[in-house]
Amino acid sequence: NPSGQSLSRQQLIADFNNDGILDFYLVDHGIGGGNHDGF
């Protein structure tokens, strides 16, 4: 809460938990603001 992404910079796809099914990690550095403090 809240859910979702601000700015999905990259989708990193792999079977991270080794169950035979692909997982995904979304790199999100944020949108707006001039200080680049991330998200």
Full PDB file with SEQRES, HELIX, SHEET, SSBOND, CRYST1, ORIGX, SCALE, CONECT and MASTER records, all heavy atoms in Angstrom:
SEQRES   1 A   39  ASN PRO SER GLY GLN SER LEU SER ARG GLN GLN LEU ILE          
SEQRES   2 A   39  ALA ASP PHE ASN ASN ASP GLY ILE LEU ASP PHE TYR LEU          
SEQRES   3 A   39  VAL ASP HIS GLY ILE GLY GLY GLY ASN HIS ASP GLY PHE          
SHEET    1 AA1 2 SER A   8  ALA A  14  0                                        
SHEET    2 AA1 2 ASP A  23  ASP A  28 -1                                        
CRYST1    1.000    1.000    1.000  90.00  90.00  90.00 P 1           1          
ORIGX1      1.000000  0.000000  0.000000        0.00000                         
ORIGX2      0.000000  1.000000  0.000000        0.00000                         
ORIGX3      0.000000  0.000000  1.000000        0.00000                         
SCALE1      1.000000  0.000000  0.000000        0.00000                         
SCALE2      0.000000  1.000000  0.000000        0.00000                         
SCALE3      0.000000  0.000000  1.000000        0.00000                         
ATOM      1  N   ASN A   1       0.844  -1.195   0.000  1.00  0.00           N  
ATOM      2  CA  ASN A   1       0.000   0.000   0.000  1.00  0.00           C  
ATOM      3  C   ASN A   1       0.884   1.253   0.000  1.00  0.00           C  
ATOM      4  O   ASN A   1       1.493   1.567   1.009  1.00  0.00           O  
ATOM      5  CB  ASN A   1      -0.918   0.020   1.213  1.00  0.00           C  
ATOM      6  CG  ASN A   1      -1.908   1.169   1.173  1.00  0.00           C  
ATOM      7  OD1 ASN A   1      -2.179   1.723   0.102  1.00  0.00           O  
ATOM      8  ND2 ASN A   1      -2.437   1.537   2.331  1.00  0.00           N  
ATOM      9  N   PRO A   2       0.970   1.926  -1.157  1.00  0.00           N  
ATOM     10  CA  PRO A   2       0.292   1.643  -2.424  1.00  0.00           C  
ATOM     11  C   PRO A   2       1.005   0.545  -3.199  1.00  0.00           C  
ATOM     12  O   PRO A   2       2.197   0.300  -3.002  1.00  0.00           O  
ATOM     13  CB  PRO A   2       0.381   2.977  -3.156  1.00  0.00           C  
ATOM     14  CG  PRO A   2       1.669   3.570  -2.687  1.00  0.00           C  
ATOM     15  CD  PRO A   2       1.775   3.170  -1.241  1.00  0.00           C  
ATOM     16  N   SER A   3       0.291  -0.088  -4.098  1.00  0.00           N  
ATOM     17  CA  SER A   3       0.876  -1.112  -4.951  1.00  0.00           C  
ATOM     18  C   SER A   3       1.375  -0.476  -6.239  1.00  0.00           C  
ATOM     19  O   SER A   3       1.174   0.708  -6.495  1.00  0.00           O  
ATOM     20  CB  SER A   3      -0.159  -2.194  -5.263  1.00  0.00           C  
ATOM     21  OG  SER A   3      -1.258  -1.624  -5.966  1.00  0.00           O  
ATOM     22  N   GLY A   4       2.037  -1.276  -7.070  1.00  0.00           N  
ATOM     23  CA  GLY A   4       2.425  -0.822  -8.399  1.00  0.00           C  
ATOM     24  C   GLY A   4       3.819  -0.246  -8.492  1.00  0.00           C  
ATOM     25  O   GLY A   4       4.583  -0.234  -7.530  1.00  0.00           O  
ATOM     26  N   GLN A   5       4.121   0.245  -9.703  1.00  0.00           N  
ATOM     27  CA  GLN A   5       5.447   0.779 -10.003  1.00  0.00           C  
ATOM     28  C   GLN A   5       5.346   2.254 -10.392  1.00  0.00           C  
ATOM     29  O   GLN A   5       4.338   2.711 -10.917  1.00  0.00           O  
ATOM     30  CB  GLN A   5       6.105   0.005 -11.169  1.00  0.00           C  
ATOM     31  CG  GLN A   5       6.601  -1.362 -10.796  1.00  0.00           C  
ATOM     32  CD  GLN A   5       5.463  -2.349 -10.596  1.00  0.00           C  
ATOM     33  OE1 GLN A   5       4.614  -2.534 -11.447  1.00  0.00           O  
ATOM     34  NE2 GLN A   5       5.443  -2.995  -9.439  1.00  0.00           N  
ATOM     35  N   SER A   6       6.427   2.988 -10.124  1.00  0.00           N  
ATOM     36  CA  SER A   6       6.526   4.385 -10.510  1.00  0.00           C  
ATOM     37  C   SER A   6       7.150   4.502 -11.899  1.00  0.00           C  
ATOM     38  O   SER A   6       6.565   5.075 -12.813  1.00  0.00           O  
ATOM     39  CB  SER A   6       7.369   5.154  -9.484  1.00  0.00           C  
ATOM     40  OG  SER A   6       7.669   6.449  -9.938  1.00  0.00           O  
ATOM     41  N   LEU A   7       8.349   3.954 -12.067  1.00  0.00           N  
ATOM     42  CA  LEU A   7       9.012   3.933 -13.369  1.00  0.00           C  
ATOM     43  C   LEU A   7       9.799   2.640 -13.469  1.00  0.00           C  
ATOM     44  O   LEU A   7      10.841   2.483 -12.829  1.00  0.00           O  
ATOM     45  CB  LEU A   7       9.940   5.143 -13.541  1.00  0.00           C  
ATOM     46  CG  LEU A   7      10.515   5.381 -14.952  1.00  0.00           C  
ATOM     47  CD1 LEU A   7      10.939   6.839 -15.105  1.00  0.00           C  
ATOM     48  CD2 LEU A   7      11.701   4.483 -15.259  1.00  0.00           C  
ATOM     49  N   SER A   8       9.280   1.702 -14.228  1.00  0.00           N  
ATOM     50  CA  SER A   8       9.947   0.410 -14.379  1.00  0.00           C  
ATOM     51  C   SER A   8      11.077   0.553 -15.388  1.00  0.00           C  
ATOM     52  O   SER A   8      10.856   0.590 -16.590  1.00  0.00           O  
ATOM     53  CB  SER A   8       8.950  -0.650 -14.850  1.00  0.00           C  
ATOM     54  OG  SER A   8       9.586  -1.902 -14.979  1.00  0.00           O  
ATOM     55  N   ARG A   9      12.278   0.637 -14.878  1.00  0.00           N  
ATOM     56  CA  ARG A   9      13.442   0.850 -15.732  1.00  0.00           C  
ATOM     57  C   ARG A   9      13.865  -0.424 -16.448  1.00  0.00           C  
ATOM     58  O   ARG A   9      14.253  -0.401 -17.609  1.00  0.00           O  
ATOM     59  CB  ARG A   9      14.594   1.373 -14.873  1.00  0.00           C  
ATOM     60  CG  ARG A   9      15.879   1.626 -15.617  1.00  0.00           C  
ATOM     61  CD  ARG A   9      15.780   2.795 -16.545  1.00  0.00           C  
ATOM     62  NE  ARG A   9      16.947   2.904 -17.399  1.00  0.00           N  
ATOM     63  CZ  ARG A   9      17.092   3.800 -18.357  1.00  0.00           C  
ATOM     64  NH1 ARG A   9      16.147   4.679 -18.571  1.00  0.00           N  
ATOM     65  NH2 ARG A   9      18.172   3.820 -19.096  1.00  0.00           N  
ATOM     66  N   GLN A  10      13.790  -1.563 -15.739  1.00  0.00           N  
ATOM     67  CA  GLN A  10      14.159  -2.847 -16.335  1.00  0.00           C  
ATOM     68  C   GLN A  10      13.346  -3.966 -15.714  1.00  0.00           C  
ATOM     69  O   GLN A  10      12.918  -3.883 -14.563  1.00  0.00           O  
ATOM     70  CB  GLN A  10      15.652  -3.138 -16.122  1.00  0.00           C  
ATOM     71  CG  GLN A  10      16.577  -2.390 -17.063  1.00  0.00           C  
ATOM     72  CD  GLN A  10      18.024  -2.795 -16.851  1.00  0.00           C  
ATOM     73  OE1 GLN A  10      18.628  -2.473 -15.838  1.00  0.00           O  
ATOM     74  NE2 GLN A  10      18.586  -3.499 -17.809  1.00  0.00           N  
ATOM     75  N   GLN A  11      13.139  -5.024 -16.500  1.00  0.00           N  
ATOM     76  CA  GLN A  11      12.545  -6.260 -16.021  1.00  0.00           C  
ATOM     77  C   GLN A  11      13.633  -7.324 -16.014  1.00  0.00           C  
ATOM     78  O   GLN A  11      14.144  -7.694 -17.067  1.00  0.00           O  
ATOM     79  CB  GLN A  11      11.386  -6.683 -16.923  1.00  0.00           C  
ATOM     80  CG  GLN A  11      10.246  -5.682 -16.962  1.00  0.00           C  
ATOM     81  CD  GLN A  11       9.079  -6.125 -17.825  1.00  0.00           C  
ATOM     82  OE1 GLN A  11       7.969  -5.635 -17.671  1.00  0.00           O  
ATOM     83  NE2 GLN A  11       9.308  -7.045 -18.743  1.00  0.00           N  
ATOM     84  N   LEU A  12      13.979  -7.819 -14.849  1.00  0.00           N  
ATOM     85  CA  LEU A  12      14.995  -8.860 -14.730  1.00  0.00           C  
ATOM     86  C   LEU A  12      14.277 -10.180 -14.511  1.00  0.00           C  
ATOM     87  O   LEU A  12      13.613 -10.381 -13.493  1.00  0.00           O  
ATOM     88  CB  LEU A  12      15.948  -8.551 -13.571  1.00  0.00           C  
ATOM     89  CG  LEU A  12      16.651  -7.183 -13.653  1.00  0.00           C  
ATOM     90  CD1 LEU A  12      17.521  -6.950 -12.422  1.00  0.00           C  
ATOM     91  CD2 LEU A  12      17.488  -7.075 -14.923  1.00  0.00           C  
ATOM     92  N   ILE A  13      14.410 -11.080 -15.485  1.00  0.00           N  
ATOM     93  CA  ILE A  13      13.615 -12.309 -15.521  1.00  0.00           C  
ATOM     94  C   ILE A  13      14.501 -13.518 -15.276  1.00  0.00           C  
ATOM     95  O   ILE A  13      15.495 -13.726 -15.972  1.00  0.00           O  
ATOM     96  CB  ILE A  13      12.920 -12.473 -16.885  1.00  0.00           C  
ATOM     97  CG1 ILE A  13      12.249 -11.173 -17.332  1.00  0.00           C  
ATOM     98  CG2 ILE A  13      11.931 -13.630 -16.844  1.00  0.00           C  
ATOM     99  CD1 ILE A  13      11.116 -10.729 -16.489  1.00  0.00           C  
ATOM    100  N   ALA A  14      14.147 -14.347 -14.285  1.00  0.00           N  
ATOM    101  CA  ALA A  14      14.873 -15.594 -14.019  1.00  0.00           C  
ATOM    102  C   ALA A  14      14.057 -16.423 -13.024  1.00  0.00           C  
ATOM    103  O   ALA A  14      13.130 -15.916 -12.383  1.00  0.00           O  
ATOM    104  CB  ALA A  14      16.269 -15.314 -13.466  1.00  0.00           C  
ATOM    105  N   ASP A  15      14.431 -17.673 -12.874  1.00  0.00           N  
ATOM    106  CA  ASP A  15      13.813 -18.526 -11.855  1.00  0.00           C  
ATOM    107  C   ASP A  15      14.593 -18.335 -10.555  1.00  0.00           C  
ATOM    108  O   ASP A  15      15.466 -19.122 -10.206  1.00  0.00           O  
ATOM    109  CB  ASP A  15      13.840 -19.993 -12.304  1.00  0.00           C  
ATOM    110  CG  ASP A  15      13.187 -20.922 -11.295  1.00  0.00           C  
ATOM    111  OD1 ASP A  15      12.544 -20.418 -10.343  1.00  0.00           O  
ATOM    112  OD2 ASP A  15      13.346 -22.149 -11.438  1.00  0.00           O  
ATOM    113  N   PHE A  16      14.281 -17.287  -9.831  1.00  0.00           N  
ATOM    114  CA  PHE A  16      15.040 -16.941  -8.630  1.00  0.00           C  
ATOM    115  C   PHE A  16      14.819 -17.932  -7.488  1.00  0.00           C  
ATOM    116  O   PHE A  16      15.726 -18.187  -6.699  1.00  0.00           O  
ATOM    117  CB  PHE A  16      14.667 -15.530  -8.163  1.00  0.00           C  
ATOM    118  CG  PHE A  16      15.072 -14.449  -9.119  1.00  0.00           C  
ATOM    119  CD1 PHE A  16      14.117 -13.682  -9.760  1.00  0.00           C  
ATOM    120  CD2 PHE A  16      16.408 -14.191  -9.385  1.00  0.00           C  
ATOM    121  CE1 PHE A  16      14.473 -12.675 -10.647  1.00  0.00           C  
ATOM    122  CE2 PHE A  16      16.781 -13.187 -10.278  1.00  0.00           C  
ATOM    123  CZ  PHE A  16      15.808 -12.430 -10.901  1.00  0.00           C  
ATOM    124  N   ASN A  17      13.603 -18.490  -7.375  1.00  0.00           N  
ATOM    125  CA  ASN A  17      13.321 -19.391  -6.249  1.00  0.00           C  
ATOM    126  C   ASN A  17      13.439 -20.870  -6.621  1.00  0.00           C  
ATOM    127  O   ASN A  17      13.064 -21.742  -5.829  1.00  0.00           O  
ATOM    128  CB  ASN A  17      11.947 -19.102  -5.654  1.00  0.00           C  
ATOM    129  CG  ASN A  17      10.821 -19.233  -6.672  1.00  0.00           C  
ATOM    130  OD1 ASN A  17      11.055 -19.610  -7.825  1.00  0.00           O  
ATOM    131  ND2 ASN A  17       9.605 -18.928  -6.259  1.00  0.00           N  
ATOM    132  N   ASN A  18      13.954 -21.146  -7.818  1.00  0.00           N  
ATOM    133  CA  ASN A  18      14.282 -22.516  -8.228  1.00  0.00           C  
ATOM    134  C   ASN A  18      13.097 -23.481  -8.157  1.00  0.00           C  
ATOM    135  O   ASN A  18      13.250 -24.637  -7.750  1.00  0.00           O  
ATOM    136  CB  ASN A  18      15.440 -23.064  -7.383  1.00  0.00           C  
ATOM    137  CG  ASN A  18      16.778 -22.496  -7.813  1.00  0.00           C  
ATOM    138  OD1 ASN A  18      17.092 -22.437  -8.996  1.00  0.00           O  
ATOM    139  ND2 ASN A  18      17.557 -22.039  -6.843  1.00  0.00           N  
ATOM    140  N   ASP A  19      11.917 -23.010  -8.597  1.00  0.00           N  
ATOM    141  CA  ASP A  19      10.762 -23.897  -8.642  1.00  0.00           C  
ATOM    142  C   ASP A  19      10.391 -24.280 -10.072  1.00  0.00           C  
ATOM    143  O   ASP A  19       9.359 -24.907 -10.303  1.00  0.00           O  
ATOM    144  CB  ASP A  19       9.563 -23.258  -7.937  1.00  0.00           C  
ATOM    145  CG  ASP A  19       9.051 -22.012  -8.658  1.00  0.00           C  
ATOM    146  OD1 ASP A  19       9.744 -21.529  -9.588  1.00  0.00           O  
ATOM    147  OD2 ASP A  19       7.976 -21.506  -8.273  1.00  0.00           O  
ATOM    148  N   GLY A  20      11.238 -23.887 -11.040  1.00  0.00           N  
ATOM    149  CA  GLY A  20      10.987 -24.236 -12.429  1.00  0.00           C  
ATOM    150  C   GLY A  20      10.117 -23.252 -13.188  1.00  0.00           C  
ATOM    151  O   GLY A  20       9.812 -23.472 -14.363  1.00  0.00           O  
ATOM    152  N   ILE A  21       9.709 -22.156 -12.543  1.00  0.00           N  
ATOM    153  CA  ILE A  21       8.850 -21.148 -13.162  1.00  0.00           C  
ATOM    154  C   ILE A  21       9.561 -19.794 -13.072  1.00  0.00           C  
ATOM    155  O   ILE A  21      10.177 -19.462 -12.060  1.00  0.00           O  
ATOM    156  CB  ILE A  21       7.475 -21.083 -12.470  1.00  0.00           C  
ATOM    157  CG1 ILE A  21       6.776 -22.446 -12.572  1.00  0.00           C  
ATOM    158  CG2 ILE A  21       6.606 -19.994 -13.076  1.00  0.00           C  
ATOM    159  CD1 ILE A  21       5.487 -22.524 -11.796  1.00  0.00           C  
ATOM    160  N   LEU A  22       9.465 -19.001 -14.127  1.00  0.00           N  
ATOM    161  CA  LEU A  22      10.143 -17.721 -14.169  1.00  0.00           C  
ATOM    162  C   LEU A  22       9.545 -16.728 -13.181  1.00  0.00           C  
ATOM    163  O   LEU A  22       8.324 -16.626 -13.026  1.00  0.00           O  
ATOM    164  CB  LEU A  22      10.081 -17.127 -15.577  1.00  0.00           C  
ATOM    165  CG  LEU A  22      10.895 -17.855 -16.650  1.00  0.00           C  
ATOM    166  CD1 LEU A  22      10.631 -17.238 -18.017  1.00  0.00           C  
ATOM    167  CD2 LEU A  22      12.379 -17.816 -16.322  1.00  0.00           C  
ATOM    168  N   ASP A  23      10.416 -15.991 -12.508  1.00  0.00           N  
ATOM    169  CA  ASP A  23      10.051 -14.890 -11.632  1.00  0.00           C  
ATOM    170  C   ASP A  23      10.532 -13.588 -12.277  1.00  0.00           C  
ATOM    171  O   ASP A  23      11.219 -13.608 -13.302  1.00  0.00           O  
ATOM    172  CB  ASP A  23      10.704 -15.073 -10.259  1.00  0.00           C  
ATOM    173  CG  ASP A  23      10.525 -16.478  -9.709  1.00  0.00           C  
ATOM    174  OD1 ASP A  23       9.375 -16.864  -9.458  1.00  0.00           O  
ATOM    175  OD2 ASP A  23      11.538 -17.187  -9.548  1.00  0.00           O  
ATOM    176  N   PHE A  24      10.217 -12.433 -11.671  1.00  0.00           N  
ATOM    177  CA  PHE A  24      10.685 -11.177 -12.244  1.00  0.00           C  
ATOM    178  C   PHE A  24      10.907 -10.115 -11.169  1.00  0.00           C  
ATOM    179  O   PHE A  24      10.148  -9.992 -10.204  1.00  0.00           O  
ATOM    180  CB  PHE A  24       9.743 -10.654 -13.334  1.00  0.00           C  
ATOM    181  CG  PHE A  24       8.274 -10.781 -13.059  1.00  0.00           C  
ATOM    182  CD1 PHE A  24       7.537  -9.716 -12.587  1.00  0.00           C  
ATOM    183  CD2 PHE A  24       7.627 -11.982 -13.317  1.00  0.00           C  
ATOM    184  CE1 PHE A  24       6.182  -9.838 -12.352  1.00  0.00           C  
ATOM    185  CE2 PHE A  24       6.263 -12.115 -13.091  1.00  0.00           C  
ATOM    186  CZ  PHE A  24       5.540 -11.040 -12.597  1.00  0.00           C  
ATOM    187  N   TYR A  25      11.992  -9.380 -11.370  1.00  0.00           N  
ATOM    188  CA  TYR A  25      12.380  -8.278 -10.500  1.00  0.00           C  
ATOM    189  C   TYR A  25      12.327  -7.002 -11.334  1.00  0.00           C  
ATOM    190  O   TYR A  25      12.960  -6.911 -12.382  1.00  0.00           O  
ATOM    191  CB  TYR A  25      13.795  -8.508  -9.966  1.00  0.00           C  
ATOM    192  CG  TYR A  25      14.255  -7.516  -8.926  1.00  0.00           C  
ATOM    193  CD1 TYR A  25      14.240  -7.854  -7.574  1.00  0.00           C  
ATOM    194  CD2 TYR A  25      14.716  -6.256  -9.279  1.00  0.00           C  
ATOM    195  CE1 TYR A  25      14.669  -6.947  -6.611  1.00  0.00           C  
ATOM    196  CE2 TYR A  25      15.144  -5.357  -8.330  1.00  0.00           C  
ATOM    197  CZ  TYR A  25      15.119  -5.710  -6.993  1.00  0.00           C  
ATOM    198  OH  TYR A  25      15.547  -4.808  -6.039  1.00  0.00           O  
ATOM    199  N   LEU A  26      11.553  -6.006 -10.884  1.00  0.00           N  
ATOM    200  CA  LEU A  26      11.387  -4.768 -11.627  1.00  0.00           C  
ATOM    201  C   LEU A  26      12.245  -3.675 -10.998  1.00  0.00           C  
ATOM    202  O   LEU A  26      12.070  -3.319  -9.827  1.00  0.00           O  
ATOM    203  CB  LEU A  26       9.919  -4.344 -11.639  1.00  0.00           C  
ATOM    204  CG  LEU A  26       8.923  -5.375 -12.195  1.00  0.00           C  
ATOM    205  CD1 LEU A  26       7.520  -4.778 -12.244  1.00  0.00           C  
ATOM    206  CD2 LEU A  26       9.333  -5.885 -13.559  1.00  0.00           C  
ATOM    207  N   VAL A  27      13.180  -3.166 -11.777  1.00  0.00           N  
ATOM    208  CA  VAL A  27      14.057  -2.080 -11.336  1.00  0.00           C  
ATOM    209  C   VAL A  27      13.301  -0.771 -11.505  1.00  0.00           C  
ATOM    210  O   VAL A  27      12.901  -0.409 -12.601  1.00  0.00           O  
ATOM    211  CB  VAL A  27      15.362  -2.071 -12.163  1.00  0.00           C  
ATOM    212  CG1 VAL A  27      16.249  -0.907 -11.762  1.00  0.00           C  
ATOM    213  CG2 VAL A  27      16.094  -3.400 -11.998  1.00  0.00           C  
ATOM    214  N   ASP A  28      13.107  -0.029 -10.419  1.00  0.00           N  
ATOM    215  CA  ASP A  28      12.254   1.166 -10.419  1.00  0.00           C  
ATOM    216  C   ASP A  28      13.008   2.316  -9.761  1.00  0.00           C  
ATOM    217  O   ASP A  28      13.167   2.349  -8.546  1.00  0.00           O  
ATOM    218  CB  ASP A  28      10.963   0.859  -9.662  1.00  0.00           C  
ATOM    219  CG  ASP A  28       9.922   1.962  -9.777  1.00  0.00           C  
ATOM    220  OD1 ASP A  28      10.276   3.084 -10.174  1.00  0.00           O  
ATOM    221  OD2 ASP A  28       8.747   1.703  -9.457  1.00  0.00           O  
ATOM    222  N   HIS A  29      13.492   3.275 -10.572  1.00  0.00           N  
ATOM    223  CA  HIS A  29      14.255   4.366  -9.953  1.00  0.00           C  
ATOM    224  C   HIS A  29      13.401   5.603  -9.675  1.00  0.00           C  
ATOM    225  O   HIS A  29      13.903   6.624  -9.207  1.00  0.00           O  
ATOM    226  CB  HIS A  29      15.496   4.722 -10.763  1.00  0.00           C  
ATOM    227  CG  HIS A  29      15.260   5.362 -12.101  1.00  0.00           C  
ATOM    228  ND1 HIS A  29      14.259   6.257 -12.349  1.00  0.00           N  
ATOM    229  CD2 HIS A  29      15.941   5.249 -13.266  1.00  0.00           C  
ATOM    230  CE1 HIS A  29      14.331   6.680 -13.598  1.00  0.00           C  
ATOM    231  NE2 HIS A  29      15.331   6.069 -14.186  1.00  0.00           N  
ATOM    232  N   GLY A  30      12.103   5.526  -9.927  1.00  0.00           N  
ATOM    233  CA  GLY A  30      11.218   6.638  -9.606  1.00  0.00           C  
ATOM    234  C   GLY A  30      11.080   7.621 -10.751  1.00  0.00           C  
ATOM    235  O   GLY A  30      11.866   7.639 -11.695  1.00  0.00           O  
ATOM    236  N   ILE A  31      10.064   8.452 -10.667  1.00  0.00           N  
ATOM    237  CA  ILE A  31       9.794   9.453 -11.704  1.00  0.00           C  
ATOM    238  C   ILE A  31       9.501  10.777 -11.021  1.00  0.00           C  
ATOM    239  O   ILE A  31       8.858  10.831  -9.974  1.00  0.00           O  
ATOM    240  CB  ILE A  31       8.603   9.028 -12.585  1.00  0.00           C  
ATOM    241  CG1 ILE A  31       8.344  10.070 -13.680  1.00  0.00           C  
ATOM    242  CG2 ILE A  31       7.360   8.786 -11.773  1.00  0.00           C  
ATOM    243  CD1 ILE A  31       7.281   9.666 -14.662  1.00  0.00           C  
ATOM    244  N   GLY A  32       9.989  11.867 -11.617  1.00  0.00           N  
ATOM    245  CA  GLY A  32       9.759  13.192 -11.062  1.00  0.00           C  
ATOM    246  C   GLY A  32      10.738  13.521  -9.961  1.00  0.00           C  
ATOM    247  O   GLY A  32      11.367  12.650  -9.355  1.00  0.00           O  
ATOM    248  N   GLY A  33      10.901  14.789  -9.701  1.00  0.00           N  
ATOM    249  CA  GLY A  33      11.848  15.222  -8.682  1.00  0.00           C  
ATOM    250  C   GLY A  33      13.239  15.328  -9.248  1.00  0.00           C  
ATOM    251  O   GLY A  33      13.639  14.541 -10.094  1.00  0.00           O  
ATOM    252  N   GLY A  34      13.977  16.317  -8.801  1.00  0.00           N  
ATOM    253  CA  GLY A  34      15.299  16.545  -9.361  1.00  0.00           C  
ATOM    254  C   GLY A  34      16.438  15.992  -8.538  1.00  0.00           C  
ATOM    255  O   GLY A  34      17.608  16.120  -8.908  1.00  0.00           O  
ATOM    256  N   ASN A  35      16.127  15.338  -7.413  1.00  0.00           N  
ATOM    257  CA  ASN A  35      17.205  14.898  -6.523  1.00  0.00           C  
ATOM    258  C   ASN A  35      17.584  13.438  -6.704  1.00  0.00           C  
ATOM    259  O   ASN A  35      18.511  12.956  -6.048  1.00  0.00           O  
ATOM    260  CB  ASN A  35      16.812  15.134  -5.059  1.00  0.00           C  
ATOM    261  CG  ASN A  35      15.491  14.485  -4.694  1.00  0.00           C  
ATOM    262  OD1 ASN A  35      14.857  13.838  -5.534  1.00  0.00           O  
ATOM    263  ND2 ASN A  35      15.065  14.666  -3.459  1.00  0.00           N  
ATOM    264  N   HIS A  36      16.873  12.700  -7.573  1.00  0.00           N  
ATOM    265  CA  HIS A  36      17.225  11.312  -7.870  1.00  0.00           C  
ATOM    266  C   HIS A  36      17.385  10.474  -6.599  1.00  0.00           C  
ATOM    267  O   HIS A  36      18.378   9.780  -6.407  1.00  0.00           O  
ATOM    268  CB  HIS A  36      18.512  11.252  -8.699  1.00  0.00           C  
ATOM    269  CG  HIS A  36      18.383  11.873 -10.054  1.00  0.00           C  
ATOM    270  ND1 HIS A  36      19.219  12.851 -10.498  1.00  0.00           N  
ATOM    271  CD2 HIS A  36      17.490  11.670 -11.052  1.00  0.00           C  
ATOM    272  CE1 HIS A  36      18.866  13.231 -11.725  1.00  0.00           C  
ATOM    273  NE2 HIS A  36      17.818  12.521 -12.077  1.00  0.00           N  
ATOM    274  N   ASP A  37      16.403  10.559  -5.721  1.00  0.00           N  
ATOM    275  CA  ASP A  37      16.489   9.809  -4.474  1.00  0.00           C  
ATOM    276  C   ASP A  37      15.941   8.399  -4.582  1.00  0.00           C  
ATOM    277  O   ASP A  37      15.969   7.634  -3.632  1.00  0.00           O  
ATOM    278  CB  ASP A  37      15.769  10.548  -3.342  1.00  0.00           C  
ATOM    279  CG  ASP A  37      14.307  10.853  -3.670  1.00  0.00           C  
ATOM    280  OD1 ASP A  37      13.891  10.594  -4.815  1.00  0.00           O  
ATOM    281  OD2 ASP A  37      13.596  11.348  -2.776  1.00  0.00           O  
ATOM    282  N   GLY A  38      15.447   8.042  -5.768  1.00  0.00           N  
ATOM    283  CA  GLY A  38      15.076   6.658  -6.007  1.00  0.00           C  
ATOM    284  C   GLY A  38      13.684   6.297  -5.531  1.00  0.00           C  
ATOM    285  O   GLY A  38      12.929   7.105  -5.000  1.00  0.00           O  
ATOM    286  N   PHE A  39      13.359   5.018  -5.740  1.00  0.00           N  
ATOM    287  CA  PHE A  39      12.055   4.485  -5.370  1.00  0.00           C  
ATOM    288  C   PHE A  39      12.243   3.006  -5.083  1.00  0.00           C  
ATOM    289  O   PHE A  39      13.296   2.434  -5.365  1.00  0.00           O  
ATOM    290  CB  PHE A  39      11.054   4.711  -6.514  1.00  0.00           C  
ATOM    291  CG  PHE A  39       9.622   4.483  -6.128  1.00  0.00           C  
ATOM    292  CD1 PHE A  39       8.987   5.368  -5.268  1.00  0.00           C  
ATOM    293  CD2 PHE A  39       8.910   3.407  -6.615  1.00  0.00           C  
ATOM    294  CE1 PHE A  39       7.657   5.177  -4.903  1.00  0.00           C  
ATOM    295  CE2 PHE A  39       7.587   3.198  -6.267  1.00  0.00           C  
ATOM    296  CZ  PHE A  39       6.961   4.088  -5.406  1.00  0.00           C  
TER     297      PHE A  39                                                      
MASTER        0    0    0    0    2    0    0    6  296    1    0    3          
END                                                                             
